[in-house]
Amino acid sequence: MLKKLLSIFKKKTYPCIVWDGKCMKYLDLTKKQIEEFRTLPKYKNYSVTINENPSK
């Protein structure tokens, strides 16, 4: 019961690789965060790759 209740509040995240031209980071991002990396001018040099087939 507690797991079901907690799952309502948990945001779905996606395993991603974020590259800023110097350093690669492996993050779990929400759809909103991914869109921010792709659209906001302050992240213009960043690229985000979503792992479509996570090994989990």
PDB file of N, CA and C in Angstrom:
ATOM      1  N   MET A   1       0.827  -1.189   0.000  1.00  0.00           N
ATOM      2  CA  MET A   1       0.000   0.000   0.000  1.00  0.00           C
ATOM      3  C   MET A   1       0.871   1.252   0.000  1.00  0.00           C
ATOM      4  N   LEU A   2       1.905   1.260   0.840  1.00  0.00           N
ATOM      5  CA  LEU A   2       2.804   2.404   0.925  1.00  0.00           C
ATOM      6  C   LEU A   2       3.538   2.619  -0.395  1.00  0.00           C
ATOM      7  N   LYS A   3       3.961   1.533  -1.055  1.00  0.00           N
ATOM      8  CA  LYS A   3       4.652   1.643  -2.348  1.00  0.00           C
ATOM      9  C   LYS A   3       3.749   2.272  -3.401  1.00  0.00           C
ATOM     10  N   LYS A   4       2.487   1.897  -3.417  1.00  0.00           N
ATOM     11  CA  LYS A   4       1.546   2.474  -4.382  1.00  0.00           C
ATOM     12  C   LYS A   4       1.361   3.957  -4.125  1.00  0.00           C
ATOM     13  N   LEU A   5       1.266   4.334  -2.883  1.00  0.00           N
ATOM     14  CA  LEU A   5       1.099   5.731  -2.523  1.00  0.00           C
ATOM     15  C   LEU A   5       2.338   6.540  -2.916  1.00  0.00           C
ATOM     16  N   LEU A   6       3.509   6.013  -2.639  1.00  0.00           N
ATOM     17  CA  LEU A   6       4.742   6.706  -2.996  1.00  0.00           C
ATOM     18  C   LEU A   6       4.929   6.803  -4.508  1.00  0.00           C
ATOM     19  N   SER A   7       4.471   5.800  -5.253  1.00  0.00           N
ATOM     20  CA  SER A   7       4.631   5.826  -6.705  1.00  0.00           C
ATOM     21  C   SER A   7       3.804   6.936  -7.360  1.00  0.00           C
ATOM     22  N   ILE A   8       2.763   7.382  -6.697  1.00  0.00           N
ATOM     23  CA  ILE A   8       1.952   8.485  -7.217  1.00  0.00           C
ATOM     24  C   ILE A   8       2.771   9.770  -7.254  1.00  0.00           C
ATOM     25  N   PHE A   9       3.618   9.973  -6.258  1.00  0.00           N
ATOM     26  CA  PHE A   9       4.383  11.201  -6.129  1.00  0.00           C
ATOM     27  C   PHE A   9       5.752  11.141  -6.803  1.00  0.00           C
ATOM     28  N   LYS A  10       6.182   9.966  -7.221  1.00  0.00           N
ATOM     29  CA  LYS A  10       7.484   9.808  -7.844  1.00  0.00           C
ATOM     30  C   LYS A  10       7.421  10.238  -9.309  1.00  0.00           C
ATOM     31  N   LYS A  11       8.351  11.076  -9.722  1.00  0.00           N
ATOM     32  CA  LYS A  11       8.414  11.509 -11.111  1.00  0.00           C
ATOM     33  C   LYS A  11       9.174  10.473 -11.926  1.00  0.00           C
ATOM     34  N   LYS A  12       8.693  10.233 -13.141  1.00  0.00           N
ATOM     35  CA  LYS A  12       9.368   9.289 -14.008  1.00  0.00           C
ATOM     36  C   LYS A  12      10.641   9.933 -14.544  1.00  0.00           C
ATOM     37  N   THR A  13      11.739   9.214 -14.442  1.00  0.00           N
ATOM     38  CA  THR A  13      13.008   9.713 -14.950  1.00  0.00           C
ATOM     39  C   THR A  13      13.535   8.772 -16.025  1.00  0.00           C
ATOM     40  N   TYR A  14      14.452   9.287 -16.835  1.00  0.00           N
ATOM     41  CA  TYR A  14      15.036   8.534 -17.932  1.00  0.00           C
ATOM     42  C   TYR A  14      16.552   8.589 -17.806  1.00  0.00           C
ATOM     43  N   PRO A  15      17.233   7.452 -17.963  1.00  0.00           N
ATOM     44  CA  PRO A  15      18.693   7.477 -17.911  1.00  0.00           C
ATOM     45  C   PRO A  15      19.226   8.225 -19.132  1.00  0.00           C
ATOM     46  N   CYS A  16      20.109   9.187 -18.912  1.00  0.00           N
ATOM     47  CA  CYS A  16      20.610  10.049 -19.982  1.00  0.00           C
ATOM     48  C   CYS A  16      22.112  10.247 -19.852  1.00  0.00           C
ATOM     49  N   ILE A  17      22.717  10.619 -20.973  1.00  0.00           N
ATOM     50  CA  ILE A  17      24.090  11.093 -20.996  1.00  0.00           C
ATOM     51  C   ILE A  17      24.022  12.560 -21.370  1.00  0.00           C
ATOM     52  N   VAL A  18      24.630  13.409 -20.543  1.00  0.00           N
ATOM     53  CA  VAL A  18      24.665  14.844 -20.806  1.00  0.00           C
ATOM     54  C   VAL A  18      26.117  15.202 -21.116  1.00  0.00           C
ATOM     55  N   TRP A  19      26.332  15.823 -22.261  1.00  0.00           N
ATOM     56  CA  TRP A  19      27.672  16.192 -22.721  1.00  0.00           C
ATOM     57  C   TRP A  19      27.731  17.703 -22.866  1.00  0.00           C
ATOM     58  N   ASP A  20      28.716  18.328 -22.205  1.00  0.00           N
ATOM     59  CA  ASP A  20      28.847  19.784 -22.287  1.00  0.00           C
ATOM     60  C   ASP A  20      30.044  20.210 -23.130  1.00  0.00           C
ATOM     61  N   GLY A  21      30.650  19.270 -23.835  1.00  0.00           N
ATOM     62  CA  GLY A  21      31.812  19.564 -24.658  1.00  0.00           C
ATOM     63  C   GLY A  21      33.121  19.249 -23.963  1.00  0.00           C
ATOM     64  N   LYS A  22      33.088  19.101 -22.647  1.00  0.00           N
ATOM     65  CA  LYS A  22      34.294  18.798 -21.871  1.00  0.00           C
ATOM     66  C   LYS A  22      34.110  17.555 -21.011  1.00  0.00           C
ATOM     67  N   CYS A  23      32.920  17.408 -20.473  1.00  0.00           N
ATOM     68  CA  CYS A  23      32.665  16.359 -19.488  1.00  0.00           C
ATOM     69  C   CYS A  23      31.344  15.667 -19.796  1.00  0.00           C
ATOM     70  N   MET A  24      31.344  14.360 -19.644  1.00  0.00           N
ATOM     71  CA  MET A  24      30.130  13.572 -19.859  1.00  0.00           C
ATOM     72  C   MET A  24      29.584  13.164 -18.501  1.00  0.00           C
ATOM     73  N   LYS A  25      28.288  13.354 -18.304  1.00  0.00           N
ATOM     74  CA  LYS A  25      27.650  12.974 -17.044  1.00  0.00           C
ATOM     75  C   LYS A  25      26.519  12.001 -17.331  1.00  0.00           C
ATOM     76  N   TYR A  26      26.364  11.028 -16.469  1.00  0.00           N
ATOM     77  CA  TYR A  26      25.288  10.057 -16.577  1.00  0.00           C
ATOM     78  C   TYR A  26      24.254  10.407 -15.520  1.00  0.00           C
ATOM     79  N   LEU A  27      23.096  10.865 -15.972  1.00  0.00           N
ATOM     80  CA  LEU A  27      22.065  11.345 -15.057  1.00  0.00           C
ATOM     81  C   LEU A  27      20.728  10.670 -15.338  1.00  0.00           C
ATOM     82  N   ASP A  28      19.861  10.732 -14.368  1.00  0.00           N
ATOM     83  CA  ASP A  28      18.463  10.346 -14.546  1.00  0.00           C
ATOM     84  C   ASP A  28      17.659  11.639 -14.514  1.00  0.00           C
ATOM     85  N   LEU A  29      17.081  12.005 -15.664  1.00  0.00           N
ATOM     86  CA  LEU A  29      16.379  13.267 -15.793  1.00  0.00           C
ATOM     87  C   LEU A  29      14.908  13.058 -16.092  1.00  0.00           C
ATOM     88  N   THR A  30      14.096  14.018 -15.674  1.00  0.00           N
ATOM     89  CA  THR A  30      12.678  14.011 -16.028  1.00  0.00           C
ATOM     90  C   THR A  30      12.529  14.588 -17.435  1.00  0.00           C
ATOM     91  N   LYS A  31      11.379  14.402 -18.043  1.00  0.00           N
ATOM     92  CA  LYS A  31      11.117  14.962 -19.378  1.00  0.00           C
ATOM     93  C   LYS A  31      11.301  16.479 -19.379  1.00  0.00           C
ATOM     94  N   LYS A  32      10.858  17.135 -18.320  1.00  0.00           N
ATOM     95  CA  LYS A  32      10.986  18.595 -18.230  1.00  0.00           C
ATOM     96  C   LYS A  32      12.458  19.013 -18.230  1.00  0.00           C
ATOM     97  N   GLN A  33      13.286  18.319 -17.468  1.00  0.00           N
ATOM     98  CA  GLN A  33      14.706  18.641 -17.415  1.00  0.00           C
ATOM     99  C   GLN A  33      15.378  18.404 -18.770  1.00  0.00           C
ATOM    100  N   ILE A  34      14.994  17.339 -19.443  1.00  0.00           N
ATOM    101  CA  ILE A  34      15.547  17.043 -20.766  1.00  0.00           C
ATOM    102  C   ILE A  34      15.199  18.156 -21.744  1.00  0.00           C
ATOM    103  N   GLU A  35      13.958  18.599 -21.721  1.00  0.00           N
ATOM    104  CA  GLU A  35      13.538  19.684 -22.613  1.00  0.00           C
ATOM    105  C   GLU A  35      14.271  20.981 -22.295  1.00  0.00           C
ATOM    106  N   GLU A  36      14.549  21.244 -21.022  1.00  0.00           N
ATOM    107  CA  GLU A  36      15.309  22.435 -20.658  1.00  0.00           C
ATOM    108  C   GLU A  36      16.703  22.395 -21.268  1.00  0.00           C
ATOM    109  N   PHE A  37      17.375  21.250 -21.200  1.00  0.00           N
ATOM    110  CA  PHE A  37      18.695  21.116 -21.801  1.00  0.00           C
ATOM    111  C   PHE A  37      18.633  21.328 -23.312  1.00  0.00           C
ATOM    112  N   ARG A  38      17.562  20.913 -23.921  1.00  0.00           N
ATOM    113  CA  ARG A  38      17.454  21.013 -25.381  1.00  0.00           C
ATOM    114  C   ARG A  38      17.000  22.385 -25.863  1.00  0.00           C
ATOM    115  N   THR A  39      16.350  23.195 -25.030  1.00  0.00           N
ATOM    116  CA  THR A  39      15.771  24.439 -25.517  1.00  0.00           C
ATOM    117  C   THR A  39      16.317  25.727 -24.898  1.00  0.00           C
ATOM    118  N   LEU A  40      16.766  25.698 -23.669  1.00  0.00           N
ATOM    119  CA  LEU A  40      17.222  26.935 -23.021  1.00  0.00           C
ATOM    120  C   LEU A  40      18.570  27.393 -23.587  1.00  0.00           C
ATOM    121  N   PRO A  41      18.688  28.692 -23.855  1.00  0.00           N
ATOM    122  CA  PRO A  41      19.929  29.226 -24.426  1.00  0.00           C
ATOM    123  C   PRO A  41      21.176  28.978 -23.570  1.00  0.00           C
ATOM    124  N   LYS A  42      21.024  28.943 -22.244  1.00  0.00           N
ATOM    125  CA  LYS A  42      22.209  28.735 -21.404  1.00  0.00           C
ATOM    126  C   LYS A  42      22.796  27.328 -21.562  1.00  0.00           C
ATOM    127  N   TYR A  43      22.026  26.398 -22.146  1.00  0.00           N
ATOM    128  CA  TYR A  43      22.502  25.038 -22.394  1.00  0.00           C
ATOM    129  C   TYR A  43      22.738  24.784 -23.880  1.00  0.00           C
ATOM    130  N   LYS A  44      23.011  25.837 -24.655  1.00  0.00           N
ATOM    131  CA  LYS A  44      23.110  25.688 -26.110  1.00  0.00           C
ATOM    132  C   LYS A  44      24.238  24.752 -26.536  1.00  0.00           C
ATOM    133  N   ASN A  45      25.301  24.612 -25.740  1.00  0.00           N
ATOM    134  CA  ASN A  45      26.419  23.731 -26.094  1.00  0.00           C
ATOM    135  C   ASN A  45      26.280  22.327 -25.504  1.00  0.00           C
ATOM    136  N   TYR A  46      25.199  22.087 -24.820  1.00  0.00           N
ATOM    137  CA  TYR A  46      24.972  20.774 -24.203  1.00  0.00           C
ATOM    138  C   TYR A  46      24.219  19.860 -25.161  1.00  0.00           C
ATOM    139  N   SER A  47      24.471  18.577 -25.047  1.00  0.00           N
ATOM    140  CA  SER A  47      23.652  17.606 -25.776  1.00  0.00           C
ATOM    141  C   SER A  47      23.194  16.540 -24.782  1.00  0.00           C
ATOM    142  N   VAL A  48      21.989  16.049 -24.995  1.00  0.00           N
ATOM    143  CA  VAL A  48      21.399  15.041 -24.114  1.00  0.00           C
ATOM    144  C   VAL A  48      21.017  13.842 -24.971  1.00  0.00           C
ATOM    145  N   THR A  49      21.471  12.671 -24.560  1.00  0.00           N
ATOM    146  CA  THR A  49      21.122  11.431 -25.234  1.00  0.00           C
ATOM    147  C   THR A  49      20.387  10.546 -24.238  1.00  0.00           C
ATOM    148  N   ILE A  50      19.186  10.149 -24.601  1.00  0.00           N
ATOM    149  CA  ILE A  50      18.375   9.288 -23.728  1.00  0.00           C
ATOM    150  C   ILE A  50      18.677   7.837 -24.048  1.00  0.00           C
ATOM    151  N   ASN A  51      18.883   7.041 -23.017  1.00  0.00           N
ATOM    152  CA  ASN A  51      19.093   5.609 -23.194  1.00  0.00           C
ATOM    153  C   ASN A  51      17.713   4.977 -23.370  1.00  0.00           C
ATOM    154  N   GLU A  52      17.389   4.618 -24.594  1.00  0.00           N
ATOM    155  CA  GLU A  52      16.061   4.066 -24.894  1.00  0.00           C
ATOM    156  C   GLU A  52      15.869   2.643 -24.375  1.00  0.00           C
ATOM    157  N   ASN A  53      16.972   1.913 -24.174  1.00  0.00           N
ATOM    158  CA  ASN A  53      16.897   0.524 -23.719  1.00  0.00           C
ATOM    159  C   ASN A  53      17.726   0.341 -22.463  1.00  0.00           C
ATOM    160  N   PRO A  54      17.259   0.868 -21.322  1.00  0.00           N
ATOM    161  CA  PRO A  54      18.031   0.711 -20.101  1.00  0.00           C
ATOM    162  C   PRO A  54      18.154  -0.759 -19.713  1.00  0.00           C
ATOM    163  N   SER A  55      19.258  -1.108 -19.101  1.00  0.00           N
ATOM    164  CA  SER A  55      19.524  -2.502 -18.748  1.00  0.00           C
ATOM    165  C   SER A  55      18.892  -2.911 -17.434  1.00  0.00           C
ATOM    166  N   LYS A  56      18.034  -2.082 -16.875  1.00  0.00           N
ATOM    167  CA  LYS A  56      17.387  -2.394 -15.589  1.00  0.00           C
ATOM    168  C   LYS A  56      16.333  -3.442 -15.767  1.00  0.00           C
TER     169      LYS A  56
END
